């Protein structure tokens, strides 16, 4: 039995979400991009809670909560990319390769 890769799982998750949705694909794409922002906000809220910086809530989250929220951001972004292109796996790999090979001083003002 073949082992599923992360992108195989993202593909299945996207298909499942698409089966559930009644919206046209263009609207699903837009909402998925907006969902990234929502998830990032939840990650920020978890950091604030882990640091106890909300006077009303105190220490309301743990760093494990932060990790889970960051995973949600990543998953949501991967689904967004999958909805934008059927070649999400390749597009991401090429983009990641460009980032990895980028000169770290590029654009630096030093």
Protein backbone atom coordinates (compact mmCIF):
# COMPACT_ATOMS: atom_id res chain seq x y z
CA UNK A 1 0.00 0.00 0.00
CA UNK A 2 1.54 3.35 -1.02
CA UNK A 3 2.23 5.94 1.64
CA UNK A 4 0.25 9.13 1.18
CA UNK A 5 2.29 12.26 0.84
CA UNK A 6 1.24 15.54 2.37
CA UNK A 7 0.06 16.75 -1.03
CA UNK A 8 -2.01 13.58 -1.56
CA UNK A 9 -3.80 14.33 1.71
CA UNK A 10 -4.27 18.00 0.74
CA UNK A 11 -5.72 16.91 -2.61
CA UNK A 12 -8.23 14.61 -0.87
CA UNK A 13 -9.09 17.28 1.69
CA UNK A 14 -9.68 19.84 -1.06
CA UNK A 15 -11.90 17.40 -2.96
CA UNK A 16 -13.89 16.69 0.21
CA UNK A 17 -14.35 20.41 0.88
CA UNK A 18 -15.36 20.97 -2.75
CA UNK A 19 -17.94 18.17 -2.52
CA UNK A 20 -19.43 19.89 0.53
CA UNK A 21 -19.54 23.38 -0.98
CA UNK A 22 -22.38 24.71 -3.10
CA UNK A 23 -20.42 27.80 -4.20
CA UNK A 24 -18.86 28.29 -7.63
CA UNK A 25 -15.12 27.51 -7.78
CA UNK A 26 -14.14 31.19 -8.04
CA UNK A 27 -15.93 31.97 -4.78
CA UNK A 28 -14.39 28.92 -3.09
CA UNK A 29 -10.94 30.17 -4.11
CA UNK A 30 -11.61 33.66 -2.72
CA UNK A 31 -13.01 32.32 0.53
CA UNK A 32 -10.06 29.94 0.91
CA UNK A 33 -7.64 32.88 0.66
CA UNK A 34 -9.69 34.73 3.28
CA UNK A 35 -9.61 31.60 5.45
CA UNK A 36 -5.80 31.89 5.62
CA UNK A 37 -6.21 35.27 7.31
CA UNK A 38 -8.77 33.87 9.73
CA UNK A 39 -6.44 31.03 10.71
CA UNK A 40 -3.48 33.41 11.06
CA UNK A 41 -5.59 35.50 13.43
CA UNK A 42 -6.26 32.41 15.52
CA UNK A 43 -2.51 31.72 15.63
CA UNK A 44 -1.92 35.31 16.79
CA UNK A 45 -4.62 34.94 19.45
CA UNK A 46 -2.94 31.75 20.68
CA UNK A 47 0.44 33.51 20.95
CA UNK A 48 -1.14 36.33 22.96
CA UNK A 49 -2.81 33.73 25.18
CA UNK A 50 0.39 31.71 25.59
CA UNK A 51 2.14 34.89 26.74
CA UNK A 52 -0.76 35.85 29.00
CA UNK A 53 -1.01 39.26 27.35
CA UNK A 54 -4.80 39.57 27.24
CA UNK A 55 -5.77 41.16 30.58
CA UNK A 56 -9.27 39.64 30.42
CA UNK A 57 -8.15 36.09 29.62
CA UNK A 58 -4.68 35.74 31.11
CA UNK A 59 -2.83 32.58 30.10
CA UNK A 60 -5.58 31.17 27.90
CA UNK A 61 -3.44 29.12 25.48
CA UNK A 62 -0.33 26.95 25.47
CA UNK A 63 2.52 26.76 22.99
CA UNK A 64 0.99 23.46 21.85
CA UNK A 65 -2.10 25.49 20.93
CA UNK A 66 0.12 27.86 18.95
CA UNK A 67 1.69 24.93 17.09
CA UNK A 68 -1.76 23.56 16.22
CA UNK A 69 -2.93 26.96 14.95
CA UNK A 70 0.20 27.36 12.80
CA UNK A 71 -0.49 23.89 11.36
CA UNK A 72 -4.02 25.09 10.54
CA UNK A 73 -2.56 28.11 8.73
CA UNK A 74 -0.24 25.89 6.69
CA UNK A 75 -2.98 23.39 5.83
CA UNK A 76 -5.38 26.16 4.85
CA UNK A 77 -2.75 27.77 2.63
CA UNK A 78 -1.98 24.45 0.97
CA UNK A 79 -5.68 23.92 0.23
CA UNK A 80 -5.81 27.45 -1.22
CA UNK A 81 -2.89 26.68 -3.53
CA UNK A 82 -4.51 23.38 -4.54
CA UNK A 83 -7.69 25.26 -5.43
CA UNK A 84 -5.70 27.77 -7.50
CA UNK A 85 -3.80 25.21 -9.56
CA UNK A 86 -3.96 21.47 -10.16
CA UNK A 87 -0.14 21.61 -10.13
CA UNK A 88 0.05 22.87 -6.53
CA UNK A 89 2.69 20.31 -5.54
CA UNK A 90 5.04 21.39 -8.35
CA UNK A 91 4.31 25.12 -7.99
CA UNK A 92 5.10 24.97 -4.28
CA UNK A 93 8.25 22.86 -4.77
CA UNK A 94 9.59 25.29 -7.38
CA UNK A 95 8.77 28.30 -5.21
CA UNK A 96 10.37 26.71 -2.15
CA UNK A 97 13.47 25.91 -4.20
CA UNK A 98 13.71 29.57 -5.29
CA UNK A 99 13.42 30.69 -1.67
CA UNK A 100 16.02 28.16 -0.51
CA UNK A 101 18.47 29.33 -3.15
CA UNK A 102 17.84 33.04 -2.69
CA UNK A 103 20.71 35.19 -1.51
CA UNK A 104 19.84 36.05 2.08
CA UNK A 105 21.30 39.52 1.63
CA UNK A 106 19.08 40.18 -1.41
CA UNK A 107 17.14 43.37 -0.81
CA UNK A 108 19.14 44.10 2.33
CA UNK A 109 19.75 47.72 3.24
CA UNK A 110 23.07 47.11 5.00
